[in-house]
Amino acid sequence: MEAKELALTIAKIALDKQALALEIIDVSTKVDYAHYLVICSGRSERQVEAIVNAIETDLKKEQEYPLGIEGREMNQWILMDYNDVIVHVFEDQNRGYYDLDTLWIDAKRVPLRQAASVE
């Protein structure tokens, strides 16, 4: 799966689990370790865990496996590394503290309506 399609698929899965404030950020011209960041929040640690589990389970069906997953012990900020796509799932109250959205303020955003059209 191409990086943009993967990012859109991840976004759709997260939105299906009612992820909050989801953003897809194109960092392809900013860094060399990824093409896209998908950042979203869950209302609780339980919802964060549900979002991450859904992403991992659904992508395995598509033969897409993470290189690593960090943060599962606490479920407050989980990072999933899908090579060209890095996923950050925050517990809502912790997202503002790390403020990745502002860190990448000058990076291009991918419209979320594209995620809705992913099958």
C-alpha atoms as a PDB file:
ATOM      1  CA  MET A   1       0.000   0.000   0.000  1.00  0.00           C
ATOM      2  CA  GLU A   2       1.341   3.450  -0.891  1.00  0.00           C
ATOM      3  CA  ALA A   3       2.091   5.802   2.005  1.00  0.00           C
ATOM      4  CA  LYS A   4      -0.790   8.210   1.350  1.00  0.00           C
ATOM      5  CA  GLU A   5      -3.304   5.392   0.941  1.00  0.00           C
ATOM      6  CA  LEU A   6      -2.024   3.835   4.164  1.00  0.00           C
ATOM      7  CA  ALA A   7      -2.359   7.149   6.029  1.00  0.00           C
ATOM      8  CA  LEU A   8      -5.912   7.577   4.724  1.00  0.00           C
ATOM      9  CA  THR A   9      -6.813   4.001   5.669  1.00  0.00           C
ATOM     10  CA  ILE A  10      -5.446   4.518   9.183  1.00  0.00           C
ATOM     11  CA  ALA A  11      -7.443   7.736   9.471  1.00  0.00           C
ATOM     12  CA  LYS A  12     -10.645   5.992   8.421  1.00  0.00           C
ATOM     13  CA  ILE A  13     -10.119   3.204  10.944  1.00  0.00           C
ATOM     14  CA  ALA A  14      -9.458   5.728  13.728  1.00  0.00           C
ATOM     15  CA  LEU A  15     -12.490   7.814  12.779  1.00  0.00           C
ATOM     16  CA  ASP A  16     -14.637   4.660  12.815  1.00  0.00           C
ATOM     17  CA  LYS A  17     -13.583   4.340  16.475  1.00  0.00           C
ATOM     18  CA  GLN A  18     -14.619   7.974  17.109  1.00  0.00           C
ATOM     19  CA  ALA A  19     -11.088   9.383  17.275  1.00  0.00           C
ATOM     20  CA  LEU A  20     -11.007  13.095  18.025  1.00  0.00           C
ATOM     21  CA  ALA A  21      -9.173  15.924  16.235  1.00  0.00           C
ATOM     22  CA  LEU A  22      -7.634  13.662  13.613  1.00  0.00           C
ATOM     23  CA  GLU A  23      -5.008  15.174  11.345  1.00  0.00           C
ATOM     24  CA  ILE A  24      -2.964  13.713   8.518  1.00  0.00           C
ATOM     25  CA  ILE A  25       0.224  15.700   8.108  1.00  0.00           C
ATOM     26  CA  ASP A  26       2.443  15.432   5.036  1.00  0.00           C
ATOM     27  CA  VAL A  27       6.015  15.555   6.331  1.00  0.00           C
ATOM     28  CA  SER A  28       7.632  14.134   3.196  1.00  0.00           C
ATOM     29  CA  THR A  29       9.516  17.356   2.468  1.00  0.00           C
ATOM     30  CA  LYS A  30      10.396  17.968   6.132  1.00  0.00           C
ATOM     31  CA  VAL A  31      11.955  14.712   7.377  1.00  0.00           C
ATOM     32  CA  ASP A  32      13.505  11.579   5.946  1.00  0.00           C
ATOM     33  CA  TYR A  33      11.999   9.003   8.325  1.00  0.00           C
ATOM     34  CA  ALA A  34       8.343   9.216   7.208  1.00  0.00           C
ATOM     35  CA  HIS A  35       6.012  10.651   4.596  1.00  0.00           C
ATOM     36  CA  TYR A  36       2.920  11.134   6.760  1.00  0.00           C
ATOM     37  CA  LEU A  37       1.969  11.544  10.392  1.00  0.00           C
ATOM     38  CA  VAL A  38      -1.498  10.594  11.539  1.00  0.00           C
ATOM     39  CA  ILE A  39      -2.328  12.268  14.846  1.00  0.00           C
ATOM     40  CA  CYS A  40      -5.548  11.738  16.781  1.00  0.00           C
ATOM     41  CA  SER A  41      -6.944  11.558  20.291  1.00  0.00           C
ATOM     42  CA  GLY A  42      -9.219   9.359  22.330  1.00  0.00           C
ATOM     43  CA  ARG A  43     -11.443  10.541  25.183  1.00  0.00           C
ATOM     44  CA  SER A  44      -9.976   7.973  27.579  1.00  0.00           C
ATOM     45  CA  GLU A  45      -7.164   5.469  27.880  1.00  0.00           C
ATOM     46  CA  ARG A  46      -9.655   2.737  26.981  1.00  0.00           C
ATOM     47  CA  GLN A  47     -10.615   4.526  23.754  1.00  0.00           C
ATOM     48  CA  VAL A  48      -6.931   5.087  22.888  1.00  0.00           C
ATOM     49  CA  GLU A  49      -6.397   1.350  23.273  1.00  0.00           C
ATOM     50  CA  ALA A  50      -9.457   0.590  21.116  1.00  0.00           C
ATOM     51  CA  ILE A  51      -8.242   2.912  18.336  1.00  0.00           C
ATOM     52  CA  VAL A  52      -4.770   1.349  18.333  1.00  0.00           C
ATOM     53  CA  ASN A  53      -6.132  -2.207  18.407  1.00  0.00           C
ATOM     54  CA  ALA A  54      -8.488  -1.474  15.517  1.00  0.00           C
ATOM     55  CA  ILE A  55      -5.685   0.032  13.400  1.00  0.00           C
ATOM     56  CA  GLU A  56      -3.393  -2.905  14.074  1.00  0.00           C
ATOM     57  CA  THR A  57      -6.086  -5.556  13.485  1.00  0.00           C
ATOM     58  CA  ASP A  58      -7.527  -4.017  10.320  1.00  0.00           C
ATOM     59  CA  LEU A  59      -4.128  -3.387   8.748  1.00  0.00           C
ATOM     60  CA  LYS A  60      -2.982  -6.957   9.437  1.00  0.00           C
ATOM     61  CA  LYS A  61      -5.862  -8.060   7.208  1.00  0.00           C
ATOM     62  CA  GLU A  62      -4.244  -5.950   4.467  1.00  0.00           C
ATOM     63  CA  GLN A  63      -0.802  -7.484   5.150  1.00  0.00           C
ATOM     64  CA  GLU A  64       0.427  -4.217   6.708  1.00  0.00           C
ATOM     65  CA  TYR A  65       2.401  -4.679   9.913  1.00  0.00           C
ATOM     66  CA  PRO A  66       3.939  -2.080  12.222  1.00  0.00           C
ATOM     67  CA  LEU A  67       7.698  -1.942  12.632  1.00  0.00           C
ATOM     68  CA  GLY A  68       6.975  -1.163  16.273  1.00  0.00           C
ATOM     69  CA  ILE A  69       4.401   0.087  18.738  1.00  0.00           C
ATOM     70  CA  GLU A  70       5.400   2.125  21.797  1.00  0.00           C
ATOM     71  CA  GLY A  71       3.396   3.327  24.783  1.00  0.00           C
ATOM     72  CA  ARG A  72       0.883   0.529  25.245  1.00  0.00           C
ATOM     73  CA  GLU A  73       1.712   0.210  28.933  1.00  0.00           C
ATOM     74  CA  MET A  74       0.033   3.510  29.809  1.00  0.00           C
ATOM     75  CA  ASN A  75      -2.330   4.156  26.861  1.00  0.00           C
ATOM     76  CA  GLN A  76      -1.756   7.897  27.127  1.00  0.00           C
ATOM     77  CA  TRP A  77       0.366   8.309  23.989  1.00  0.00           C
ATOM     78  CA  ILE A  78       0.843   5.382  21.666  1.00  0.00           C
ATOM     79  CA  LEU A  79       3.152   5.612  18.689  1.00  0.00           C
ATOM     80  CA  MET A  80       2.754   3.150  15.819  1.00  0.00           C
ATOM     81  CA  ASP A  81       5.515   2.984  13.205  1.00  0.00           C
ATOM     82  CA  TYR A  82       4.305   1.841   9.792  1.00  0.00           C
ATOM     83  CA  ASN A  83       7.567   2.872   8.101  1.00  0.00           C
ATOM     84  CA  ASP A  84       6.396   5.748   5.875  1.00  0.00           C
ATOM     85  CA  VAL A  85       3.435   6.499   8.156  1.00  0.00           C
ATOM     86  CA  ILE A  86       3.831   7.273  11.854  1.00  0.00           C
ATOM     87  CA  VAL A  87       0.666   7.182  13.959  1.00  0.00           C
ATOM     88  CA  HIS A  88       0.302   9.082  17.240  1.00  0.00           C
ATOM     89  CA  VAL A  89      -2.775   8.265  19.322  1.00  0.00           C
ATOM     90  CA  PHE A  90      -3.072  10.458  22.407  1.00  0.00           C
ATOM     91  CA  GLU A  91      -5.333  10.382  25.411  1.00  0.00           C
ATOM     92  CA  ASP A  92      -7.087  13.717  24.893  1.00  0.00           C
ATOM     93  CA  GLN A  93      -5.706  15.488  27.978  1.00  0.00           C
ATOM     94  CA  ASN A  94      -2.091  14.609  27.062  1.00  0.00           C
ATOM     95  CA  ARG A  95      -2.177  15.761  23.459  1.00  0.00           C
ATOM     96  CA  GLY A  96      -1.866  19.448  24.261  1.00  0.00           C
ATOM     97  CA  TYR A  97       1.150  18.845  26.461  1.00  0.00           C
ATOM     98  CA  TYR A  98       3.206  17.391  23.597  1.00  0.00           C
ATOM     99  CA  ASP A  99       1.625  19.724  21.020  1.00  0.00           C
ATOM    100  CA  LEU A 100       2.763  17.909  17.872  1.00  0.00           C
ATOM    101  CA  ASP A 101       0.149  19.840  15.891  1.00  0.00           C
ATOM    102  CA  THR A 102       2.019  23.106  16.484  1.00  0.00           C
ATOM    103  CA  LEU A 103       5.402  21.475  15.913  1.00  0.00           C
ATOM    104  CA  TRP A 104       4.262  20.649  12.365  1.00  0.00           C
ATOM    105  CA  ILE A 105       2.203  23.827  11.825  1.00  0.00           C
ATOM    106  CA  ASP A 106       3.993  24.625   8.557  1.00  0.00           C
ATOM    107  CA  ALA A 107       3.495  21.132   7.085  1.00  0.00           C
ATOM    108  CA  LYS A 108       0.729  20.446   4.581  1.00  0.00           C
ATOM    109  CA  ARG A 109      -2.448  18.759   5.879  1.00  0.00           C
ATOM    110  CA  VAL A 110      -4.265  16.068   3.906  1.00  0.00           C
ATOM    111  CA  PRO A 111      -8.024  16.742   3.744  1.00  0.00           C
ATOM    112  CA  LEU A 112      -9.949  14.263   5.854  1.00  0.00           C
ATOM    113  CA  ARG A 113     -12.687  13.942   3.257  1.00  0.00           C
ATOM    114  CA  GLN A 114     -10.211  11.761   1.344  1.00  0.00           C
ATOM    115  CA  ALA A 115     -10.235   9.281   4.248  1.00  0.00           C
ATOM    116  CA  ALA A 116     -14.001   8.952   3.980  1.00  0.00           C
ATOM    117  CA  SER A 117     -13.666   7.679   0.417  1.00  0.00           C
ATOM    118  CA  VAL A 118     -11.200   4.896   1.309  1.00  0.00           C
ATOM    119  CA  GLU A 119     -12.797   1.451   1.049  1.00  0.00           C
END
